[in-house]
Amino acid sequence: MNFFGLGTFEIVTILIVATLVFGPNRIPEFAKKAGEFMRSFQKITSDMTKEFTKAIDSSPTKPSDTGKPPDSFSGITLDKYFKTNDK
């Protein structure tokens, strides 16, 4: 069993320490609050993921054509960039 990266031994140890610190009567209360927290955390992360996906999908930008060669080279000269020794 692997829950949040914790093995069985670690989970049992945490439960024993929690029982000693808080008492056996308060453990169900803490478990309930932990469950509520996990549900709300999962809902928040799910909502955020949906909003980000919706924002990205509705973005009006399109991928740029950077690196794409021009369709035609006619009329383009490199004389202004290079000196030639034409006589």
N, C-alpha and C. Protein backbone atom coordinates (compact mmCIF):
# COMPACT_ATOMS: atom_id res chain seq x y z
N MET A 1 0.85 -1.18 0.00
CA MET A 1 0.00 0.00 0.00
C MET A 1 0.89 1.24 0.00
N ASN A 2 0.61 2.16 -0.90
CA ASN A 2 1.40 3.38 -1.01
C ASN A 2 0.44 4.56 -1.13
N PHE A 3 0.33 5.34 -0.07
CA PHE A 3 -0.60 6.46 -0.02
C PHE A 3 0.19 7.73 0.25
N PHE A 4 0.21 8.66 -0.72
CA PHE A 4 1.00 9.89 -0.62
C PHE A 4 2.48 9.60 -0.41
N GLY A 5 2.97 8.53 -0.98
CA GLY A 5 4.38 8.19 -0.85
C GLY A 5 4.72 7.56 0.49
N LEU A 6 3.71 7.23 1.28
CA LEU A 6 3.94 6.60 2.58
C LEU A 6 3.60 5.12 2.49
N GLY A 7 4.44 4.32 3.09
CA GLY A 7 4.19 2.89 3.13
C GLY A 7 3.28 2.52 4.28
N THR A 8 2.98 1.25 4.39
CA THR A 8 2.09 0.75 5.43
C THR A 8 2.64 1.04 6.82
N PHE A 9 3.93 0.81 7.01
CA PHE A 9 4.54 1.03 8.32
C PHE A 9 4.43 2.49 8.74
N GLU A 10 4.69 3.41 7.82
CA GLU A 10 4.62 4.84 8.15
C GLU A 10 3.20 5.25 8.52
N ILE A 11 2.21 4.75 7.78
CA ILE A 11 0.82 5.10 8.06
C ILE A 11 0.39 4.57 9.43
N VAL A 12 0.76 3.33 9.75
CA VAL A 12 0.43 2.76 11.05
C VAL A 12 1.09 3.56 12.17
N THR A 13 2.34 3.95 11.97
CA THR A 13 3.06 4.75 12.98
C THR A 13 2.36 6.09 13.20
N ILE A 14 1.95 6.74 12.13
CA ILE A 14 1.26 8.03 12.25
C ILE A 14 -0.06 7.86 12.99
N LEU A 15 -0.80 6.79 12.69
CA LEU A 15 -2.07 6.55 13.38
C LEU A 15 -1.86 6.28 14.87
N ILE A 16 -0.83 5.55 15.22
CA ILE A 16 -0.54 5.28 16.64
C ILE A 16 -0.18 6.57 17.37
N VAL A 17 0.67 7.38 16.77
CA VAL A 17 1.06 8.65 17.40
C VAL A 17 -0.16 9.56 17.53
N ALA A 18 -1.00 9.63 16.48
CA ALA A 18 -2.20 10.46 16.55
C ALA A 18 -3.14 9.99 17.65
N THR A 19 -3.26 8.69 17.82
CA THR A 19 -4.11 8.15 18.88
C THR A 19 -3.57 8.52 20.25
N LEU A 20 -2.26 8.46 20.41
CA LEU A 20 -1.65 8.81 21.70
C LEU A 20 -1.78 10.30 21.98
N VAL A 21 -1.63 11.13 20.98
CA VAL A 21 -1.66 12.59 21.19
C VAL A 21 -3.08 13.09 21.37
N PHE A 22 -4.01 12.70 20.51
CA PHE A 22 -5.36 13.26 20.52
C PHE A 22 -6.38 12.39 21.24
N GLY A 23 -6.07 11.16 21.47
CA GLY A 23 -7.03 10.25 22.10
C GLY A 23 -7.89 9.56 21.06
N PRO A 24 -8.35 8.37 21.38
CA PRO A 24 -9.11 7.59 20.40
C PRO A 24 -10.48 8.19 20.06
N ASN A 25 -11.03 9.04 20.92
CA ASN A 25 -12.35 9.61 20.67
C ASN A 25 -12.32 10.71 19.61
N ARG A 26 -11.19 11.38 19.43
CA ARG A 26 -11.12 12.50 18.49
C ARG A 26 -10.59 12.09 17.12
N ILE A 27 -10.11 10.87 16.96
CA ILE A 27 -9.58 10.42 15.67
C ILE A 27 -10.64 10.45 14.57
N PRO A 28 -11.88 9.98 14.81
CA PRO A 28 -12.89 10.05 13.74
C PRO A 28 -13.18 11.49 13.30
N GLU A 29 -13.17 12.41 14.26
CA GLU A 29 -13.39 13.83 13.93
C GLU A 29 -12.29 14.34 13.00
N PHE A 30 -11.04 14.01 13.30
CA PHE A 30 -9.92 14.44 12.45
C PHE A 30 -9.98 13.76 11.08
N ALA A 31 -10.38 12.50 11.05
CA ALA A 31 -10.49 11.79 9.78
C ALA A 31 -11.57 12.42 8.91
N LYS A 32 -12.68 12.82 9.52
CA LYS A 32 -13.76 13.46 8.77
C LYS A 32 -13.29 14.79 8.20
N LYS A 33 -12.60 15.58 9.01
CA LYS A 33 -12.10 16.88 8.53
C LYS A 33 -11.04 16.69 7.44
N ALA A 34 -10.21 15.67 7.58
CA ALA A 34 -9.20 15.40 6.55
C ALA A 34 -9.88 14.99 5.24
N GLY A 35 -10.94 14.20 5.32
CA GLY A 35 -11.70 13.82 4.12
C GLY A 35 -12.35 15.01 3.46
N GLU A 36 -12.93 15.91 4.26
CA GLU A 36 -13.54 17.12 3.71
C GLU A 36 -12.49 17.99 3.03
N PHE A 37 -11.33 18.10 3.66
CA PHE A 37 -10.25 18.89 3.07
C PHE A 37 -9.81 18.30 1.74
N MET A 38 -9.65 16.98 1.70
CA MET A 38 -9.21 16.33 0.46
C MET A 38 -10.23 16.52 -0.66
N ARG A 39 -11.52 16.41 -0.33
CA ARG A 39 -12.56 16.62 -1.35
C ARG A 39 -12.53 18.05 -1.87
N SER A 40 -12.42 19.02 -0.97
CA SER A 40 -12.40 20.42 -1.42
C SER A 40 -11.12 20.71 -2.20
N PHE A 41 -10.01 20.14 -1.80
CA PHE A 41 -8.75 20.34 -2.52
C PHE A 41 -8.84 19.76 -3.93
N GLN A 42 -9.40 18.55 -4.06
CA GLN A 42 -9.56 17.94 -5.38
C GLN A 42 -10.52 18.74 -6.25
N LYS A 43 -11.58 19.29 -5.66
CA LYS A 43 -12.53 20.10 -6.43
C LYS A 43 -11.86 21.37 -6.92
N ILE A 44 -11.08 22.01 -6.06
CA ILE A 44 -10.39 23.25 -6.45
C ILE A 44 -9.40 22.97 -7.58
N THR A 45 -8.60 21.92 -7.44
CA THR A 45 -7.62 21.63 -8.49
C THR A 45 -8.32 21.24 -9.79
N SER A 46 -9.43 20.52 -9.70
CA SER A 46 -10.18 20.16 -10.91
C SER A 46 -10.75 21.40 -11.58
N ASP A 47 -11.31 22.31 -10.79
CA ASP A 47 -11.86 23.56 -11.35
C ASP A 47 -10.77 24.40 -12.00
N MET A 48 -9.62 24.48 -11.35
CA MET A 48 -8.51 25.25 -11.92
C MET A 48 -8.04 24.65 -13.23
N THR A 49 -7.95 23.33 -13.29
CA THR A 49 -7.54 22.67 -14.53
C THR A 49 -8.53 22.95 -15.65
N LYS A 50 -9.83 22.89 -15.33
CA LYS A 50 -10.85 23.18 -16.34
C LYS A 50 -10.74 24.62 -16.83
N GLU A 51 -10.52 25.57 -15.92
CA GLU A 51 -10.40 26.98 -16.31
C GLU A 51 -9.17 27.22 -17.18
N PHE A 52 -8.04 26.63 -16.81
CA PHE A 52 -6.83 26.78 -17.62
C PHE A 52 -7.02 26.18 -19.01
N THR A 53 -7.63 25.01 -19.06
CA THR A 53 -7.86 24.36 -20.35
C THR A 53 -8.80 25.20 -21.21
N LYS A 54 -9.85 25.74 -20.60
CA LYS A 54 -10.79 26.58 -21.34
C LYS A 54 -10.11 27.85 -21.84
N ALA A 55 -9.26 28.45 -21.01
CA ALA A 55 -8.55 29.67 -21.42
C ALA A 55 -7.58 29.39 -22.56
N ILE A 56 -6.90 28.28 -22.49
CA ILE A 56 -5.93 27.94 -23.54
C ILE A 56 -6.65 27.61 -24.84
N ASP A 57 -7.75 26.86 -24.75
CA ASP A 57 -8.49 26.48 -25.95
C ASP A 57 -9.15 27.67 -26.63
N SER A 58 -9.54 28.68 -25.86
CA SER A 58 -10.22 29.83 -26.45
C SER A 58 -9.25 30.93 -26.84
N SER A 59 -7.97 30.71 -26.70
CA SER A 59 -6.97 31.71 -27.04
C SER A 59 -7.00 31.98 -28.55
N PRO A 60 -7.04 33.26 -28.95
CA PRO A 60 -7.12 33.58 -30.37
C PRO A 60 -5.79 33.47 -31.11
N THR A 61 -4.73 33.26 -30.39
CA THR A 61 -3.43 33.21 -31.05
C THR A 61 -3.24 31.89 -31.77
N LYS A 62 -2.52 31.95 -32.85
CA LYS A 62 -2.19 30.73 -33.59
C LYS A 62 -0.68 30.54 -33.53
N PRO A 63 -0.22 29.36 -33.77
CA PRO A 63 1.23 29.14 -33.75
C PRO A 63 1.90 30.02 -34.80
N SER A 64 3.03 30.56 -34.43
CA SER A 64 3.73 31.44 -35.37
C SER A 64 4.43 30.63 -36.44
N ASP A 65 4.73 31.30 -37.53
CA ASP A 65 5.43 30.65 -38.64
C ASP A 65 6.93 30.88 -38.53
N THR A 66 7.43 31.08 -37.34
CA THR A 66 8.85 31.31 -37.14
C THR A 66 9.63 30.11 -37.65
N GLY A 67 10.65 30.39 -38.42
CA GLY A 67 11.49 29.33 -38.94
C GLY A 67 11.01 28.79 -40.27
N LYS A 68 9.86 29.21 -40.71
CA LYS A 68 9.33 28.74 -41.98
C LYS A 68 9.92 29.62 -43.09
N PRO A 69 10.46 29.01 -44.13
CA PRO A 69 11.03 29.82 -45.21
C PRO A 69 9.93 30.53 -45.98
N PRO A 70 10.25 31.67 -46.56
CA PRO A 70 9.24 32.39 -47.33
C PRO A 70 8.82 31.58 -48.56
N ASP A 71 7.62 31.86 -49.03
CA ASP A 71 7.10 31.14 -50.20
C ASP A 71 7.87 31.46 -51.47
N SER A 72 8.39 32.67 -51.55
CA SER A 72 9.07 33.08 -52.78
C SER A 72 10.26 33.96 -52.42
N PHE A 73 11.34 33.83 -53.19
CA PHE A 73 12.51 34.67 -52.98
C PHE A 73 12.66 35.71 -54.09
N SER A 74 11.70 35.83 -54.95
CA SER A 74 11.83 36.77 -56.07
C SER A 74 11.83 38.20 -55.55
N GLY A 75 12.71 38.99 -56.11
CA GLY A 75 12.80 40.39 -55.74
C GLY A 75 13.63 40.65 -54.51
N ILE A 76 14.16 39.63 -53.90
CA ILE A 76 14.97 39.81 -52.70
C ILE A 76 16.44 39.80 -53.10
N THR A 77 17.14 40.86 -52.75
CA THR A 77 18.57 40.91 -53.03
C THR A 77 19.32 41.10 -51.73
N LEU A 78 20.53 40.62 -51.74
CA LEU A 78 21.37 40.73 -50.56
C LEU A 78 22.47 41.78 -50.75
N ASP A 79 22.35 42.60 -51.81
CA ASP A 79 23.39 43.59 -52.11
C ASP A 79 23.60 44.56 -50.96
N LYS A 80 22.57 44.93 -50.28
CA LYS A 80 22.73 45.91 -49.20
C LYS A 80 23.44 45.30 -47.99
N TYR A 81 23.50 43.99 -47.92
CA TYR A 81 24.16 43.34 -46.79
C TYR A 81 25.59 42.90 -47.09
N PHE A 82 25.90 42.68 -48.35
CA PHE A 82 27.22 42.21 -48.74
C PHE A 82 27.81 43.13 -49.79
N LYS A 83 29.09 43.44 -49.62
CA LYS A 83 29.78 44.23 -50.64
C LYS A 83 30.30 43.29 -51.70
N THR A 84 30.10 43.68 -52.95
CA THR A 84 30.62 42.88 -54.05
C THR A 84 31.67 43.69 -54.79
N ASN A 85 32.61 43.02 -55.39
CA ASN A 85 33.68 43.68 -56.14
C ASN A 85 33.39 43.62 -57.63
N ASP A 86 32.19 43.91 -58.02
CA ASP A 86 31.84 43.93 -59.44
C ASP A 86 32.41 45.20 -60.07
N LYS A 87 33.02 45.04 -61.25
CA LYS A 87 33.60 46.20 -61.93
C LYS A 87 32.85 46.55 -63.14
